Amino acid sequence: MFEQQVDEPQRQAYSKIANARFAVYGFSVYPDATFTLRLAFGEVKGYLESKNSLGYHTFKHAETHQNKDPFELPAIWRERMAQLNLSTLFNFVSTADIIGGNSGSPAVNREGELVGIIFDGNIQPLVFDYIYTD
């Protein structure tokens, strides 16, 4: 709920900026990851936030936060934790540049094998809609 309250003004502002850019530039610039081919390169790794080192995948991050909202794992995952191979990355953080519209795009390794699907980004890269650097 809190995240929605924080994100909504940003979404509305971003929409206004996108509409203004379209009014000025029209079709001379490409849209935000909407049906246009993009390649982004990065590596799976954690990052620093306020001098704290954050892990790069779900299980460790949930454990670090005592499995409390918003980092709570689904009950069925917790119930079947012993059956899971925790070395398999299911939900991970990477340095690849993603932006709105990338959801559902494949994440592949160097061999071109599917290793994940992009579904969300953290707040950190959102201010870098024009230039991204890790």
C-alpha atoms as a PDB file:
ATOM      1  CA  MET A   1       0.000   0.000   0.000  1.00  0.00           C
ATOM      2  CA  PHE A   2       2.735   2.466   0.987  1.00  0.00           C
ATOM      3  CA  GLU A   3       4.645   1.691  -2.201  1.00  0.00           C
ATOM      4  CA  GLN A   4       1.555   2.485  -4.276  1.00  0.00           C
ATOM      5  CA  GLN A   5       1.146   5.825  -2.483  1.00  0.00           C
ATOM      6  CA  VAL A   6       4.764   6.694  -3.209  1.00  0.00           C
ATOM      7  CA  ASP A   7       4.794   5.419  -6.784  1.00  0.00           C
ATOM      8  CA  GLU A   8       1.517   6.921  -7.990  1.00  0.00           C
ATOM      9  CA  PRO A   9       2.649  10.595  -8.094  1.00  0.00           C
ATOM     10  CA  GLN A  10       5.770   9.496  -9.962  1.00  0.00           C
ATOM     11  CA  ARG A  11       3.702   7.508 -12.478  1.00  0.00           C
ATOM     12  CA  GLN A  12       1.428  10.482 -13.069  1.00  0.00           C
ATOM     13  CA  ALA A  13       4.374  12.842 -13.495  1.00  0.00           C
ATOM     14  CA  TYR A  14       6.102  10.404 -15.845  1.00  0.00           C
ATOM     15  CA  SER A  15       2.941  10.178 -17.938  1.00  0.00           C
ATOM     16  CA  LYS A  16       2.808  13.969 -18.238  1.00  0.00           C
ATOM     17  CA  ILE A  17       6.471  14.102 -19.257  1.00  0.00           C
ATOM     18  CA  ALA A  18       5.935  11.339 -21.845  1.00  0.00           C
ATOM     19  CA  ASN A  19       2.929  13.197 -23.308  1.00  0.00           C
ATOM     20  CA  ALA A  20       4.878  16.475 -23.443  1.00  0.00           C
ATOM     21  CA  ARG A  21       7.834  14.764 -25.159  1.00  0.00           C
ATOM     22  CA  PHE A  22       5.503  13.235 -27.724  1.00  0.00           C
ATOM     23  CA  ALA A  23       3.879  16.633 -28.346  1.00  0.00           C
ATOM     24  CA  VAL A  24       7.315  18.164 -29.012  1.00  0.00           C
ATOM     25  CA  TYR A  25       9.175  15.317 -30.739  1.00  0.00           C
ATOM     26  CA  GLY A  26       6.367  13.180 -32.175  1.00  0.00           C
ATOM     27  CA  PHE A  27       7.596   9.984 -33.794  1.00  0.00           C
ATOM     28  CA  SER A  28      11.190  11.226 -34.136  1.00  0.00           C
ATOM     29  CA  VAL A  29      12.135   9.548 -30.823  1.00  0.00           C
ATOM     30  CA  TYR A  30      11.416   5.984 -29.765  1.00  0.00           C
ATOM     31  CA  PRO A  31       8.946   5.219 -26.978  1.00  0.00           C
ATOM     32  CA  ASP A  32       9.778   3.649 -23.612  1.00  0.00           C
ATOM     33  CA  ALA A  33      10.469  -0.011 -24.289  1.00  0.00           C
ATOM     34  CA  THR A  34       7.049  -0.446 -25.848  1.00  0.00           C
ATOM     35  CA  PHE A  35       7.341  -2.987 -28.618  1.00  0.00           C
ATOM     36  CA  THR A  36      10.819  -1.771 -29.619  1.00  0.00           C
ATOM     37  CA  LEU A  37      13.863  -4.029 -29.568  1.00  0.00           C
ATOM     38  CA  ARG A  38      16.268  -3.319 -26.735  1.00  0.00           C
ATOM     39  CA  LEU A  39      19.369  -5.129 -25.536  1.00  0.00           C
ATOM     40  CA  ALA A  40      20.716  -4.448 -22.068  1.00  0.00           C
ATOM     41  CA  PHE A  41      23.828  -6.008 -20.615  1.00  0.00           C
ATOM     42  CA  GLY A  42      24.546  -6.505 -16.941  1.00  0.00           C
ATOM     43  CA  GLU A  43      25.479  -8.957 -14.273  1.00  0.00           C
ATOM     44  CA  VAL A  44      23.599 -10.570 -11.425  1.00  0.00           C
ATOM     45  CA  LYS A  45      24.824  -8.959  -8.232  1.00  0.00           C
ATOM     46  CA  GLY A  46      23.627  -7.069  -5.187  1.00  0.00           C
ATOM     47  CA  TYR A  47      24.093  -3.385  -4.518  1.00  0.00           C
ATOM     48  CA  LEU A  48      24.670  -0.845  -1.761  1.00  0.00           C
ATOM     49  CA  GLU A  49      21.859   1.228  -0.305  1.00  0.00           C
ATOM     50  CA  SER A  50      22.682   3.689   2.451  1.00  0.00           C
ATOM     51  CA  LYS A  51      25.982   1.856   3.017  1.00  0.00           C
ATOM     52  CA  ASN A  52      24.112  -1.443   3.512  1.00  0.00           C
ATOM     53  CA  SER A  53      24.922  -4.336   1.228  1.00  0.00           C
ATOM     54  CA  LEU A  54      21.780  -5.845  -0.275  1.00  0.00           C
ATOM     55  CA  GLY A  55      21.725  -9.392  -1.588  1.00  0.00           C
ATOM     56  CA  TYR A  56      20.901 -10.301  -5.124  1.00  0.00           C
ATOM     57  CA  HIS A  57      18.138 -12.881  -4.757  1.00  0.00           C
ATOM     58  CA  THR A  58      14.803 -13.441  -3.037  1.00  0.00           C
ATOM     59  CA  PHE A  59      15.576 -16.059  -0.427  1.00  0.00           C
ATOM     60  CA  LYS A  60      18.518 -14.222   1.122  1.00  0.00           C
ATOM     61  CA  HIS A  61      16.698 -10.880   1.058  1.00  0.00           C
ATOM     62  CA  ALA A  62      13.576 -12.355   2.688  1.00  0.00           C
ATOM     63  CA  GLU A  63      15.737 -13.986   5.345  1.00  0.00           C
ATOM     64  CA  THR A  64      17.558 -10.716   6.034  1.00  0.00           C
ATOM     65  CA  HIS A  65      14.192  -9.023   6.661  1.00  0.00           C
ATOM     66  CA  GLN A  66      12.839 -11.834   8.888  1.00  0.00           C
ATOM     67  CA  ASN A  67      10.403 -12.730   6.100  1.00  0.00           C
ATOM     68  CA  LYS A  68       8.232  -9.682   6.871  1.00  0.00           C
ATOM     69  CA  ASP A  69       6.191  -7.544   4.468  1.00  0.00           C
ATOM     70  CA  PRO A  70       7.106  -6.428   1.844  1.00  0.00           C
ATOM     71  CA  PHE A  71       9.801  -9.143   1.705  1.00  0.00           C
ATOM     72  CA  GLU A  72       7.606 -12.022   2.827  1.00  0.00           C
ATOM     73  CA  LEU A  73       7.853 -15.200   0.776  1.00  0.00           C
ATOM     74  CA  PRO A  74       4.614 -17.006  -0.083  1.00  0.00           C
ATOM     75  CA  ALA A  75       3.544 -19.567   2.539  1.00  0.00           C
ATOM     76  CA  ILE A  76       3.843 -22.463   0.080  1.00  0.00           C
ATOM     77  CA  TRP A  77       7.495 -21.560  -0.566  1.00  0.00           C
ATOM     78  CA  ARG A  78       8.244 -21.524   3.161  1.00  0.00           C
ATOM     79  CA  GLU A  79       6.392 -24.833   3.676  1.00  0.00           C
ATOM     80  CA  ARG A  80       8.389 -26.498   0.887  1.00  0.00           C
ATOM     81  CA  MET A  81      11.739 -24.758   1.425  1.00  0.00           C
ATOM     82  CA  ALA A  82      13.499 -28.102   1.991  1.00  0.00           C
ATOM     83  CA  GLN A  83      12.400 -29.227  -1.485  1.00  0.00           C
ATOM     84  CA  LEU A  84      13.778 -26.128  -3.217  1.00  0.00           C
ATOM     85  CA  ASN A  85      17.240 -25.850  -4.687  1.00  0.00           C
ATOM     86  CA  LEU A  86      18.221 -22.504  -3.186  1.00  0.00           C
ATOM     87  CA  SER A  87      21.203 -22.184  -5.521  1.00  0.00           C
ATOM     88  CA  THR A  88      18.740 -21.703  -8.400  1.00  0.00           C
ATOM     89  CA  LEU A  89      18.123 -17.988  -8.782  1.00  0.00           C
ATOM     90  CA  PHE A  90      14.414 -17.368  -9.108  1.00  0.00           C
ATOM     91  CA  ASN A  91      14.168 -13.680  -8.369  1.00  0.00           C
ATOM     92  CA  PHE A  92      17.375 -11.733  -8.755  1.00  0.00           C
ATOM     93  CA  VAL A  93      18.817  -8.242  -8.988  1.00  0.00           C
ATOM     94  CA  SER A  94      21.042  -7.327 -11.900  1.00  0.00           C
ATOM     95  CA  THR A  95      22.818  -4.305 -13.312  1.00  0.00           C
ATOM     96  CA  ALA A  96      20.939  -4.557 -16.624  1.00  0.00           C
ATOM     97  CA  ASP A  97      19.176  -1.337 -17.598  1.00  0.00           C
ATOM     98  CA  ILE A  98      15.423  -1.945 -17.604  1.00  0.00           C
ATOM     99  CA  ILE A  99      12.526   0.481 -17.762  1.00  0.00           C
ATOM    100  CA  GLY A 100       8.739   0.473 -17.969  1.00  0.00           C
ATOM    101  CA  GLY A 101       7.621  -1.767 -20.799  1.00  0.00           C
ATOM    102  CA  ASN A 102      10.362  -4.384 -20.322  1.00  0.00           C
ATOM    103  CA  SER A 103       8.139  -6.659 -18.216  1.00  0.00           C
ATOM    104  CA  GLY A 104       7.983 -10.111 -19.728  1.00  0.00           C
ATOM    105  CA  SER A 105      11.278  -9.722 -21.586  1.00  0.00           C
ATOM    106  CA  PRO A 106      13.751 -12.594 -21.292  1.00  0.00           C
ATOM    107  CA  ALA A 107      16.918 -12.465 -19.229  1.00  0.00           C
ATOM    108  CA  VAL A 108      19.531 -14.680 -20.884  1.00  0.00           C
ATOM    109  CA  ASN A 109      23.038 -15.729 -19.941  1.00  0.00           C
ATOM    110  CA  ARG A 110      26.156 -15.554 -22.143  1.00  0.00           C
ATOM    111  CA  GLU A 111      25.175 -18.769 -23.859  1.00  0.00           C
ATOM    112  CA  GLY A 112      21.760 -17.343 -24.794  1.00  0.00           C
ATOM    113  CA  GLU A 113      19.949 -19.615 -22.336  1.00  0.00           C
ATOM    114  CA  LEU A 114      16.838 -18.286 -20.621  1.00  0.00           C
ATOM    115  CA  VAL A 115      17.649 -17.623 -16.953  1.00  0.00           C
ATOM    116  CA  GLY A 116      14.778 -15.353 -15.980  1.00  0.00           C
ATOM    117  CA  ILE A 117      12.038 -12.978 -17.001  1.00  0.00           C
ATOM    118  CA  ILE A 118      12.082  -9.261 -16.289  1.00  0.00           C
ATOM    119  CA  PHE A 119       9.087  -8.260 -14.229  1.00  0.00           C
ATOM    120  CA  ASP A 120      10.029  -5.294 -12.052  1.00  0.00           C
ATOM    121  CA  GLY A 121      12.704  -2.795 -11.178  1.00  0.00           C
ATOM    122  CA  ASN A 122      13.866  -1.228  -7.953  1.00  0.00           C
ATOM    123  CA  ILE A 123      13.515   2.480  -7.226  1.00  0.00           C
ATOM    124  CA  GLN A 124      17.251   3.106  -7.752  1.00  0.00           C
ATOM    125  CA  PRO A 125      17.308   3.223 -11.576  1.00  0.00           C
ATOM    126  CA  LEU A 126      14.029   5.113 -11.994  1.00  0.00           C
ATOM    127  CA  VAL A 127      15.680   8.521 -11.865  1.00  0.00           C
ATOM    128  CA  PHE A 128      17.916   7.478 -14.753  1.00  0.00           C
ATOM    129  CA  ASP A 129      15.319   7.252 -17.524  1.00  0.00           C
ATOM    130  CA  TYR A 130      17.745   8.909 -19.964  1.00  0.00           C
ATOM    131  CA  ILE A 131      21.134   7.699 -18.775  1.00  0.00           C
ATOM    132  CA  TYR A 132      21.860   4.589 -16.739  1.00  0.00           C
ATOM    133  CA  THR A 133      25.013   3.505 -14.960  1.00  0.00           C
ATOM    134  CA  ASP A 134      25.527   1.032 -12.161  1.00  0.00           C
END
